[in-house]
């Protein structure tokens, strides 16, 4: 694995400026993939337990309005989180009419950049289709917070960050949203939608912790390629 690909500075958990660019939906919808059986569904032929139920803490709450809809994507969930924080729908950024010029309102400008940074692709690995998206700054900060304190060496912390970038970048498997893969992780069990999103990522992490390192390397290579395309498009936006 070429750790230099991400220009990660592990001491202090730093990242290069490119890693922290947030922005837009520059690629078209990858299309409706033919849904295959859920690869995370338990099978009678295996004795692997439900790994994501081990030591997974949840905080039951009475709020029933937290979204729990089928086919939800990370982008949609993050839109809901931003709605709570800024009391304005981020989806408006994706429909801004830029033919009349760049938005002038400060919030619209920020949302325009956020929307322009939403980018994902469908790739084929191990005879299955995986939707992988470029991460934004919040994703990277959450991944950094999940790195265990006991990992004292720079190499260990760097490897953990790379692994978590893979965890956060996987959006769907065979067209099935990861939020659908883990239906037993319910949005209504969490006070904040961001806590729910993190719980789903931790569930996925439990499975990926048991795959060979070479598999993580292959996913990471695809992630770096996709992130590079997003960053190049943002560079073009900056210079336009």
Protein backbone atom coordinates (compact mmCIF):
# COMPACT_ATOMS: atom_id res chain seq x y z
CA UNK A 1 0.00 0.00 0.00
CA UNK A 2 1.37 3.39 -0.93
CA UNK A 3 0.52 5.44 2.11
CA UNK A 4 1.69 8.62 0.40
CA UNK A 5 -1.36 8.59 -1.82
CA UNK A 6 -3.36 10.45 0.79
CA UNK A 7 -0.58 12.69 2.09
CA UNK A 8 -1.72 11.79 5.57
CA UNK A 9 0.13 13.39 8.46
CA UNK A 10 -0.64 11.03 11.31
CA UNK A 11 0.92 13.03 14.12
CA UNK A 12 -1.94 15.17 15.34
CA UNK A 13 -4.20 13.33 12.89
CA UNK A 14 -3.73 15.79 10.07
CA UNK A 15 -4.74 15.66 6.46
CA UNK A 16 -3.69 17.43 3.32
CA UNK A 17 -5.85 20.36 2.17
CA UNK A 18 -7.28 18.27 -0.66
CA UNK A 19 -8.67 15.77 1.84
CA UNK A 20 -10.77 18.47 3.45
CA UNK A 21 -12.45 19.85 0.36
CA UNK A 22 -16.18 19.47 0.59
CA UNK A 23 -18.48 19.91 -2.28
CA UNK A 24 -20.88 18.44 -5.12
CA UNK A 25 -22.86 15.98 -7.08
CA UNK A 26 -20.84 16.21 -10.27
CA UNK A 27 -21.53 12.75 -11.56
CA UNK A 28 -24.82 11.44 -12.76
CA UNK A 29 -26.84 8.88 -10.92
CA UNK A 30 -24.98 5.57 -11.28
CA UNK A 31 -28.25 4.03 -12.29
CA UNK A 32 -30.52 1.47 -10.78
CA UNK A 33 -28.52 -1.69 -10.34
CA UNK A 34 -30.24 -5.03 -10.29
CA UNK A 35 -30.54 -5.85 -6.64
CA UNK A 36 -28.92 -9.07 -5.55
CA UNK A 37 -29.45 -10.93 -2.26
CA UNK A 38 -28.07 -8.94 0.64
CA UNK A 39 -24.44 -10.09 1.02
CA UNK A 40 -24.66 -9.44 4.75
CA UNK A 41 -27.67 -11.70 5.25
CA UNK A 42 -26.95 -14.63 7.56
CA UNK A 43 -26.65 -18.02 5.92
CA UNK A 44 -27.21 -21.47 7.36
CA UNK A 45 -23.90 -22.52 5.86
CA UNK A 46 -21.79 -20.18 8.02
CA UNK A 47 -21.19 -19.81 11.73
CA UNK A 48 -20.01 -16.18 11.53
CA UNK A 49 -22.02 -14.21 14.09
CA UNK A 50 -23.68 -10.84 13.55
CA UNK A 51 -20.44 -8.97 14.14
CA UNK A 52 -22.02 -5.55 14.19
CA UNK A 53 -24.14 -6.45 17.23
CA UNK A 54 -21.05 -7.01 19.37
CA UNK A 55 -20.36 -4.09 21.72
CA UNK A 56 -22.47 -1.75 19.59
CA UNK A 57 -23.87 0.89 21.93
CA UNK A 58 -27.14 2.62 21.19
CA UNK A 59 -29.19 5.20 23.00
CA UNK A 60 -32.94 4.49 22.67
CA UNK A 61 -34.95 7.67 22.31
CA UNK A 62 -38.62 8.49 21.89
CA UNK A 63 -38.16 10.68 18.82
CA UNK A 64 -40.14 8.96 16.08
CA UNK A 65 -39.56 11.62 13.47
CA UNK A 66 -36.00 10.45 12.76
CA UNK A 67 -35.99 9.22 9.20
CA UNK A 68 -36.09 5.47 8.64
CA UNK A 69 -36.81 5.11 4.94
CA UNK A 70 -35.76 2.30 2.57
CA UNK A 71 -33.01 2.93 0.06
CA UNK A 72 -31.60 5.85 2.01
CA UNK A 73 -28.14 7.02 1.00
CA UNK A 74 -25.43 8.73 3.00
CA UNK A 75 -25.92 11.92 0.98
CA UNK A 76 -29.62 11.97 1.88
CA UNK A 77 -28.89 11.33 5.54
CA UNK A 78 -26.29 14.10 5.62
CA UNK A 79 -28.84 16.42 4.06
CA UNK A 80 -31.16 15.69 6.98
CA UNK A 81 -28.34 16.36 9.46
CA UNK A 82 -27.58 19.70 7.83
CA UNK A 83 -31.28 20.55 7.96
CA UNK A 84 -31.16 20.21 11.74
CA UNK A 85 -28.04 22.34 12.03
CA UNK A 86 -28.78 25.19 9.65
CA UNK A 87 -32.58 24.88 9.41
CA UNK A 88 -32.43 24.87 5.64
CA UNK A 89 -32.56 21.99 3.18
CA UNK A 90 -29.19 21.22 1.58
CA UNK A 91 -31.02 19.85 -1.46
CA UNK A 92 -31.54 23.41 -2.59
CA UNK A 93 -27.81 23.55 -3.28
CA UNK A 94 -28.13 20.77 -5.82
CA UNK A 95 -30.77 22.66 -7.77
CA UNK A 96 -29.23 26.11 -7.71
CA UNK A 97 -29.58 27.92 -11.03
CA UNK A 98 -25.98 28.88 -11.72
CA UNK A 99 -26.80 30.08 -15.24
CA UNK A 100 -27.50 33.47 -13.69
CA UNK A 101 -24.18 33.52 -11.87
CA UNK A 102 -22.66 32.21 -8.68
CA UNK A 103 -24.91 32.49 -5.58
CA UNK A 104 -24.38 35.65 -3.56
CA UNK A 105 -25.91 34.63 -0.25
CA UNK A 106 -23.13 33.27 2.04
CA UNK A 107 -25.10 30.17 3.05
CA UNK A 108 -26.00 29.45 -0.57
CA UNK A 109 -22.34 29.75 -1.55
CA UNK A 110 -21.33 27.22 1.11
CA UNK A 111 -24.12 24.84 0.17
CA UNK A 112 -23.21 25.18 -3.49
CA UNK A 113 -19.67 24.01 -2.72
CA UNK A 114 -20.99 21.17 -0.56
CA UNK A 115 -23.26 20.01 -3.35
CA UNK A 116 -20.54 20.22 -5.95
CA UNK A 117 -18.36 17.93 -3.80
CA UNK A 118 -20.84 15.05 -3.69
CA UNK A 119 -19.35 12.49 -6.05
CA UNK A 120 -19.61 8.72 -6.23
CA UNK A 121 -19.04 5.90 -8.68
CA UNK A 122 -20.05 2.27 -9.04
CA UNK A 123 -17.05 -0.05 -9.32
CA UNK A 124 -16.84 -3.81 -9.76
CA UNK A 125 -14.69 -5.72 -7.29
CA UNK A 126 -14.80 -9.42 -6.48
CA UNK A 127 -17.61 -9.96 -9.01
CA UNK A 128 -19.91 -7.51 -7.21
CA UNK A 129 -20.83 -3.86 -7.73
CA UNK A 130 -19.89 -1.39 -5.00
CA UNK A 131 -20.92 2.26 -4.83
CA UNK A 132 -18.00 4.28 -3.49
CA UNK A 133 -18.16 7.99 -2.76
CA UNK A 134 -15.58 10.67 -2.14
CA UNK A 135 -15.51 11.73 1.51
CA UNK A 136 -15.95 15.22 2.86
CA UNK A 137 -14.27 16.91 5.81
CA UNK A 138 -16.84 15.71 8.36
CA UNK A 139 -16.35 12.11 7.24
CA UNK A 140 -12.60 12.43 7.71
CA UNK A 141 -12.96 14.02 11.14
CA UNK A 142 -15.31 11.26 12.28
CA UNK A 143 -12.89 8.64 10.96
CA UNK A 144 -10.04 10.32 12.84
CA UNK A 145 -12.06 10.30 16.06
CA UNK A 146 -12.55 6.55 15.71
CA UNK A 147 -8.82 5.80 15.65
CA UNK A 148 -8.01 4.06 18.91
CA UNK A 149 -5.81 5.97 21.33
CA UNK A 150 -3.73 2.89 22.07
CA UNK A 151 -2.40 2.91 18.51
CA UNK A 152 0.70 4.85 19.41
CA UNK A 153 2.86 4.24 16.34
CA UNK A 154 2.49 6.43 13.27
CA UNK A 155 2.26 3.40 11.00
CA UNK A 156 -0.58 1.86 13.01
CA UNK A 157 -2.55 5.11 13.13
CA UNK A 158 -2.05 5.70 9.42
CA UNK A 159 -3.24 2.17 8.58
CA UNK A 160 -6.29 2.67 10.82
CA UNK A 161 -7.17 5.95 9.08
CA UNK A 162 -6.88 4.36 5.66
CA UNK A 163 -9.08 1.47 6.78
CA UNK A 164 -11.73 3.85 8.16
CA UNK A 165 -11.72 5.87 4.94
CA UNK A 166 -12.73 2.67 3.17
CA UNK A 167 -15.45 2.05 5.78
CA UNK A 168 -16.89 5.54 5.32
CA UNK A 169 -16.63 5.50 1.52
CA UNK A 170 -18.72 2.39 0.81
CA UNK A 171 -22.23 3.60 0.05
CA UNK A 172 -23.99 0.56 -1.41
CA UNK A 173 -23.42 -3.09 -2.36
CA UNK A 174 -25.13 -4.34 -5.52
CA UNK A 175 -27.27 -1.23 -5.41
CA UNK A 176 -28.42 -1.93 -1.85
CA UNK A 177 -27.73 0.98 0.49
CA UNK A 178 -25.64 0.09 3.53
CA UNK A 179 -28.51 1.48 5.60
CA UNK A 180 -30.62 -1.31 4.14
CA UNK A 181 -27.93 -3.92 4.81
CA UNK A 182 -28.21 -3.29 8.54
CA UNK A 183 -31.94 -2.95 9.13
CA UNK A 184 -31.53 -3.96 12.77
CA UNK A 185 -29.64 -0.69 13.33
CA UNK A 186 -32.66 1.59 13.56
CA UNK A 187 -32.69 5.36 13.24
CA UNK A 188 -35.35 5.59 15.95
CA UNK A 189 -32.85 4.23 18.49
CA UNK A 190 -30.68 7.33 18.24
CA UNK A 191 -31.25 10.89 19.34
CA UNK A 192 -29.23 12.39 16.49
CA UNK A 193 -29.23 11.27 12.87
CA UNK A 194 -25.46 11.60 12.82
CA UNK A 195 -25.25 9.04 15.65
CA UNK A 196 -27.39 6.70 13.57
CA UNK A 197 -25.16 7.15 10.52
CA UNK A 198 -22.08 6.43 12.64
CA UNK A 199 -23.68 3.29 14.07
CA UNK A 200 -24.25 1.93 10.56
CA UNK A 201 -20.63 2.65 9.67
CA UNK A 202 -19.50 0.82 12.80
CA UNK A 203 -21.65 -2.14 11.79
CA UNK A 204 -19.97 -2.25 8.38
CA UNK A 205 -16.59 -1.87 10.09
CA UNK A 206 -17.19 -5.06 12.08
CA UNK A 207 -17.32 -7.04 8.85
CA UNK A 208 -14.45 -5.32 7.07
CA UNK A 209 -12.19 -5.93 10.05
CA UNK A 210 -12.24 -9.61 9.13
CA UNK A 211 -11.33 -9.37 5.44
CA UNK A 212 -7.73 -9.77 4.21
CA UNK A 213 -5.62 -6.59 4.09
CA UNK A 214 -5.31 -6.93 0.32
CA UNK A 215 -9.07 -6.46 0.01
CA UNK A 216 -8.89 -3.18 1.94
CA UNK A 217 -6.00 -2.10 -0.27
CA UNK A 218 -8.06 -2.69 -3.42
CA UNK A 219 -10.99 -0.70 -2.06
CA UNK A 220 -8.64 2.08 -1.00
CA UNK A 221 -7.08 2.26 -4.47
CA UNK A 222 -10.56 2.73 -5.96
CA UNK A 223 -11.36 5.35 -3.34
CA UNK A 224 -8.20 7.33 -4.12
CA UNK A 225 -9.06 7.25 -7.84
CA UNK A 226 -12.62 8.48 -7.21
CA UNK A 227 -11.47 11.17 -4.80
CA UNK A 228 -8.94 12.35 -7.37
CA UNK A 229 -11.69 12.84 -9.95
CA UNK A 230 -13.77 14.81 -7.43
CA UNK A 231 -10.84 17.00 -6.47
CA UNK A 232 -9.95 17.69 -10.10
CA UNK A 233 -13.50 18.83 -10.80
CA UNK A 234 -13.42 21.09 -7.74
CA UNK A 235 -10.13 22.55 -8.98
CA UNK A 236 -11.85 23.36 -12.26
CA UNK A 237 -14.68 24.99 -10.32
CA UNK A 238 -12.18 27.10 -8.38
CA UNK A 239 -10.60 28.37 -11.59
CA UNK A 240 -13.85 28.96 -13.47
